């Protein structure tokens, strides 16, 4: 199950995120999303846990908890929505 974690401190890295969720079971991956221009954390990330029961427990326990001094929100990740192609791009100039 993919888990969405928001309100992360800019100092939390992938390993930190993985360590916090490993307390509840196996973690396949943990990724803090970085801004491609500044290379700084965007304040959210994703954790993948293969066992849904462990993932549900992690969500319940971690939502509202503190990581690096900030209260985080933790939810089941929603599928990414496809953005429609910008057909008017060439017509604007």
N, C-alpha and C. Protein backbone atom coordinates (compact mmCIF):
# COMPACT_ATOMS: atom_id res chain seq x y z
N UNK A 1 0.84 -1.18 0.00
CA UNK A 1 0.00 0.00 0.00
C UNK A 1 0.89 1.24 0.00
N UNK A 2 0.50 2.21 -0.79
CA UNK A 2 1.22 3.48 -0.82
C UNK A 2 0.61 4.42 0.21
N UNK A 3 1.48 5.07 0.98
CA UNK A 3 1.08 5.97 2.06
C UNK A 3 1.63 7.36 1.76
N UNK A 4 0.77 8.36 1.91
CA UNK A 4 1.13 9.76 1.69
C UNK A 4 1.40 10.41 3.05
N UNK A 5 2.56 11.06 3.17
CA UNK A 5 2.95 11.72 4.42
C UNK A 5 3.20 13.19 4.11
N UNK A 6 2.46 14.09 4.79
CA UNK A 6 2.64 15.52 4.52
C UNK A 6 3.06 16.27 5.78
N UNK A 7 3.48 17.51 5.57
CA UNK A 7 3.97 18.41 6.62
C UNK A 7 5.31 17.94 7.20
N UNK A 8 6.15 17.41 6.33
CA UNK A 8 7.48 16.96 6.77
C UNK A 8 8.42 18.14 6.94
N UNK A 9 9.28 18.03 7.91
CA UNK A 9 10.35 19.01 8.11
C UNK A 9 11.29 18.96 6.91
N UNK A 10 11.89 20.08 6.54
CA UNK A 10 12.82 20.07 5.41
C UNK A 10 14.07 19.22 5.67
N UNK A 11 14.27 18.82 6.91
CA UNK A 11 15.46 18.05 7.27
C UNK A 11 15.21 16.54 7.29
N UNK A 12 13.98 16.10 7.03
CA UNK A 12 13.66 14.68 7.00
C UNK A 12 14.03 14.11 5.64
N UNK A 13 14.81 13.05 5.64
CA UNK A 13 15.23 12.39 4.40
C UNK A 13 14.55 11.04 4.22
N UNK A 14 14.87 10.38 3.13
CA UNK A 14 14.29 9.08 2.82
C UNK A 14 14.52 8.06 3.94
N UNK A 15 15.75 7.99 4.45
CA UNK A 15 16.08 7.03 5.50
C UNK A 15 15.31 7.33 6.79
N UNK A 16 15.16 8.61 7.12
CA UNK A 16 14.40 8.98 8.32
C UNK A 16 12.96 8.50 8.21
N UNK A 17 12.37 8.75 7.05
CA UNK A 17 10.99 8.36 6.81
C UNK A 17 10.84 6.84 6.90
N UNK A 18 11.77 6.13 6.29
CA UNK A 18 11.74 4.67 6.32
C UNK A 18 11.86 4.16 7.75
N UNK A 19 12.75 4.74 8.53
CA UNK A 19 12.93 4.30 9.92
C UNK A 19 11.68 4.48 10.76
N UNK A 20 10.96 5.58 10.57
CA UNK A 20 9.74 5.83 11.34
C UNK A 20 8.66 4.80 11.01
N UNK A 21 8.54 4.41 9.75
CA UNK A 21 7.49 3.47 9.34
C UNK A 21 7.90 2.01 9.52
N UNK A 22 9.19 1.73 9.60
CA UNK A 22 9.67 0.36 9.80
C UNK A 22 9.25 -0.20 11.16
N UNK A 23 8.89 0.66 12.07
CA UNK A 23 8.43 0.22 13.40
C UNK A 23 7.14 -0.60 13.29
N UNK A 24 6.42 -0.43 12.18
CA UNK A 24 5.13 -1.08 12.01
C UNK A 24 5.17 -2.27 11.05
N UNK A 25 6.32 -2.49 10.41
CA UNK A 25 6.45 -3.63 9.49
C UNK A 25 7.42 -3.34 8.37
N UNK A 26 7.35 -4.15 7.36
CA UNK A 26 8.26 -4.05 6.22
C UNK A 26 7.95 -2.83 5.37
N UNK A 27 9.00 -2.09 5.01
CA UNK A 27 8.87 -0.92 4.14
C UNK A 27 9.64 -1.18 2.85
N UNK A 28 8.93 -1.16 1.73
CA UNK A 28 9.56 -1.39 0.44
C UNK A 28 10.35 -0.17 0.00
N UNK A 29 9.75 1.02 0.18
CA UNK A 29 10.43 2.25 -0.21
C UNK A 29 9.88 3.43 0.58
N UNK A 30 10.70 4.45 0.69
CA UNK A 30 10.30 5.70 1.34
C UNK A 30 10.97 6.83 0.56
N UNK A 31 10.16 7.74 0.03
CA UNK A 31 10.69 8.82 -0.81
C UNK A 31 10.15 10.17 -0.38
N UNK A 32 11.04 11.05 0.01
CA UNK A 32 10.69 12.44 0.26
C UNK A 32 10.78 13.14 -1.09
N UNK A 33 9.75 13.87 -1.46
CA UNK A 33 9.72 14.53 -2.77
C UNK A 33 10.52 15.82 -2.70
N UNK A 34 11.43 15.96 -3.66
CA UNK A 34 12.33 17.10 -3.70
C UNK A 34 11.95 18.04 -4.85
N UNK A 35 12.13 19.34 -4.63
CA UNK A 35 11.91 20.34 -5.67
C UNK A 35 13.03 20.21 -6.70
N UNK A 36 12.67 20.11 -7.97
CA UNK A 36 13.70 19.87 -8.99
C UNK A 36 14.58 21.08 -9.26
N UNK A 37 14.13 22.27 -8.87
CA UNK A 37 14.94 23.47 -9.11
C UNK A 37 15.84 23.81 -7.92
N UNK A 38 15.33 23.68 -6.71
CA UNK A 38 16.10 24.05 -5.52
C UNK A 38 16.75 22.86 -4.83
N UNK A 39 16.31 21.64 -5.19
CA UNK A 39 16.78 20.41 -4.56
C UNK A 39 16.49 20.38 -3.06
N UNK A 40 15.43 21.08 -2.65
CA UNK A 40 14.98 21.05 -1.25
C UNK A 40 13.70 20.25 -1.15
N UNK A 41 13.45 19.74 0.04
CA UNK A 41 12.24 18.97 0.28
C UNK A 41 11.01 19.82 0.02
N UNK A 42 9.99 19.21 -0.59
CA UNK A 42 8.72 19.90 -0.82
C UNK A 42 7.78 19.71 0.37
N UNK A 43 8.22 18.98 1.40
CA UNK A 43 7.44 18.84 2.62
C UNK A 43 6.48 17.67 2.63
N UNK A 44 6.60 16.78 1.65
CA UNK A 44 5.77 15.58 1.66
C UNK A 44 6.52 14.42 1.03
N UNK A 45 6.00 13.23 1.25
CA UNK A 45 6.65 12.05 0.71
C UNK A 45 5.71 10.87 0.67
N UNK A 46 6.24 9.74 0.20
CA UNK A 46 5.46 8.53 0.06
C UNK A 46 6.23 7.35 0.66
N UNK A 47 5.49 6.47 1.30
CA UNK A 47 6.05 5.25 1.87
C UNK A 47 5.27 4.09 1.28
N UNK A 48 5.96 3.04 0.86
CA UNK A 48 5.28 1.86 0.36
C UNK A 48 5.50 0.71 1.33
N UNK A 49 4.39 0.14 1.80
CA UNK A 49 4.43 -1.02 2.68
C UNK A 49 3.64 -2.15 2.01
N UNK A 50 4.28 -3.33 1.80
CA UNK A 50 3.61 -4.40 1.07
C UNK A 50 2.44 -5.04 1.81
N UNK A 51 2.45 -5.03 3.13
CA UNK A 51 1.38 -5.65 3.92
C UNK A 51 0.35 -4.59 4.30
N UNK A 52 -0.88 -4.75 3.79
CA UNK A 52 -1.93 -3.75 4.03
C UNK A 52 -2.29 -3.60 5.50
N UNK A 53 -2.25 -4.69 6.25
CA UNK A 53 -2.57 -4.62 7.69
C UNK A 53 -1.54 -3.78 8.42
N UNK A 54 -0.26 -4.00 8.12
CA UNK A 54 0.81 -3.21 8.73
C UNK A 54 0.70 -1.75 8.30
N UNK A 55 0.37 -1.54 7.03
CA UNK A 55 0.24 -0.17 6.51
C UNK A 55 -0.90 0.57 7.19
N UNK A 56 -2.04 -0.09 7.37
CA UNK A 56 -3.18 0.54 8.04
C UNK A 56 -2.82 0.91 9.48
N UNK A 57 -2.10 0.03 10.16
CA UNK A 57 -1.67 0.32 11.53
C UNK A 57 -0.71 1.51 11.55
N UNK A 58 0.21 1.56 10.59
CA UNK A 58 1.16 2.67 10.51
C UNK A 58 0.43 3.98 10.27
N UNK A 59 -0.55 3.98 9.39
CA UNK A 59 -1.33 5.19 9.11
C UNK A 59 -2.02 5.67 10.38
N UNK A 60 -2.67 4.74 11.06
CA UNK A 60 -3.42 5.08 12.28
C UNK A 60 -2.49 5.64 13.37
N UNK A 61 -1.35 5.00 13.55
CA UNK A 61 -0.42 5.40 14.61
C UNK A 61 0.39 6.66 14.27
N UNK A 62 0.75 6.81 13.00
CA UNK A 62 1.62 7.92 12.61
C UNK A 62 0.87 9.22 12.32
N UNK A 63 -0.41 9.13 11.94
CA UNK A 63 -1.18 10.35 11.65
C UNK A 63 -1.28 11.19 12.92
N UNK A 64 -0.83 12.42 12.83
CA UNK A 64 -0.85 13.33 13.98
C UNK A 64 0.36 13.21 14.88
N UNK A 65 1.28 12.33 14.55
CA UNK A 65 2.50 12.18 15.36
C UNK A 65 3.53 13.22 14.93
N UNK A 66 4.61 13.29 15.69
CA UNK A 66 5.66 14.28 15.42
C UNK A 66 6.88 13.60 14.81
N UNK A 67 7.35 14.16 13.69
CA UNK A 67 8.61 13.73 13.08
C UNK A 67 9.47 14.98 12.97
N UNK A 68 10.62 14.94 13.62
CA UNK A 68 11.56 16.07 13.61
C UNK A 68 10.88 17.38 14.03
N UNK A 69 10.01 17.29 15.04
CA UNK A 69 9.39 18.49 15.60
C UNK A 69 8.17 19.01 14.87
N UNK A 70 7.72 18.32 13.82
CA UNK A 70 6.53 18.76 13.08
C UNK A 70 5.46 17.66 13.13
N UNK A 71 4.22 18.08 13.30
CA UNK A 71 3.11 17.15 13.31
C UNK A 71 2.75 16.79 11.88
N UNK A 72 2.83 15.51 11.56
CA UNK A 72 2.61 15.05 10.19
C UNK A 72 1.19 14.51 9.99
N UNK A 73 0.73 14.60 8.77
CA UNK A 73 -0.53 13.99 8.36
C UNK A 73 -0.19 12.76 7.53
N UNK A 74 -0.85 11.65 7.82
CA UNK A 74 -0.56 10.40 7.14
C UNK A 74 -1.86 9.79 6.64
N UNK A 75 -1.92 9.48 5.35
CA UNK A 75 -3.12 8.92 4.74
C UNK A 75 -2.73 7.90 3.68
N UNK A 76 -3.72 7.09 3.30
CA UNK A 76 -3.52 6.20 2.17
C UNK A 76 -3.39 7.09 0.93
N UNK A 77 -2.37 6.84 0.13
CA UNK A 77 -2.14 7.66 -1.07
C UNK A 77 -3.24 7.41 -2.10
N UNK A 78 -3.66 8.49 -2.74
CA UNK A 78 -4.65 8.39 -3.81
C UNK A 78 -3.90 8.26 -5.13
N UNK A 79 -4.49 7.56 -6.10
CA UNK A 79 -3.82 7.45 -7.41
C UNK A 79 -3.62 8.82 -8.03
N UNK A 80 -2.51 8.97 -8.70
CA UNK A 80 -2.19 10.24 -9.34
C UNK A 80 -3.14 10.47 -10.52
N UNK A 81 -3.71 11.67 -10.56
CA UNK A 81 -4.61 12.01 -11.65
C UNK A 81 -3.82 12.45 -12.88
N UNK A 82 -4.29 12.02 -14.03
CA UNK A 82 -3.66 12.43 -15.27
C UNK A 82 -4.08 13.86 -15.58
N UNK A 83 -3.10 14.68 -15.91
CA UNK A 83 -3.41 16.06 -16.29
C UNK A 83 -3.70 16.10 -17.79
N UNK A 84 -4.74 16.82 -18.18
CA UNK A 84 -5.02 16.90 -19.62
C UNK A 84 -3.93 17.69 -20.34
N UNK A 85 -3.69 17.32 -21.56
CA UNK A 85 -2.69 18.02 -22.37
C UNK A 85 -3.13 19.45 -22.59
N UNK A 86 -2.20 20.37 -22.58
CA UNK A 86 -2.53 21.79 -22.79
C UNK A 86 -2.57 22.06 -24.29
N UNK A 87 -3.74 21.98 -24.84
CA UNK A 87 -3.88 22.16 -26.28
C UNK A 87 -3.74 23.62 -26.70
N UNK A 88 -3.90 24.55 -25.75
CA UNK A 88 -3.84 25.97 -26.10
C UNK A 88 -2.42 26.54 -25.99
N UNK A 89 -1.45 25.72 -25.65
CA UNK A 89 -0.09 26.21 -25.41
C UNK A 89 0.47 27.00 -26.59
N UNK A 90 0.39 26.43 -27.78
CA UNK A 90 0.94 27.11 -28.96
C UNK A 90 0.11 28.30 -29.43
N UNK A 91 -1.15 28.35 -29.03
CA UNK A 91 -2.03 29.43 -29.46
C UNK A 91 -1.92 30.68 -28.58
N UNK A 92 -1.19 30.59 -27.49
CA UNK A 92 -1.10 31.74 -26.59
C UNK A 92 -0.13 32.80 -27.08
N UNK A 93 0.74 32.48 -27.96
CA UNK A 93 1.76 33.43 -28.38
C UNK A 93 1.42 33.93 -29.73
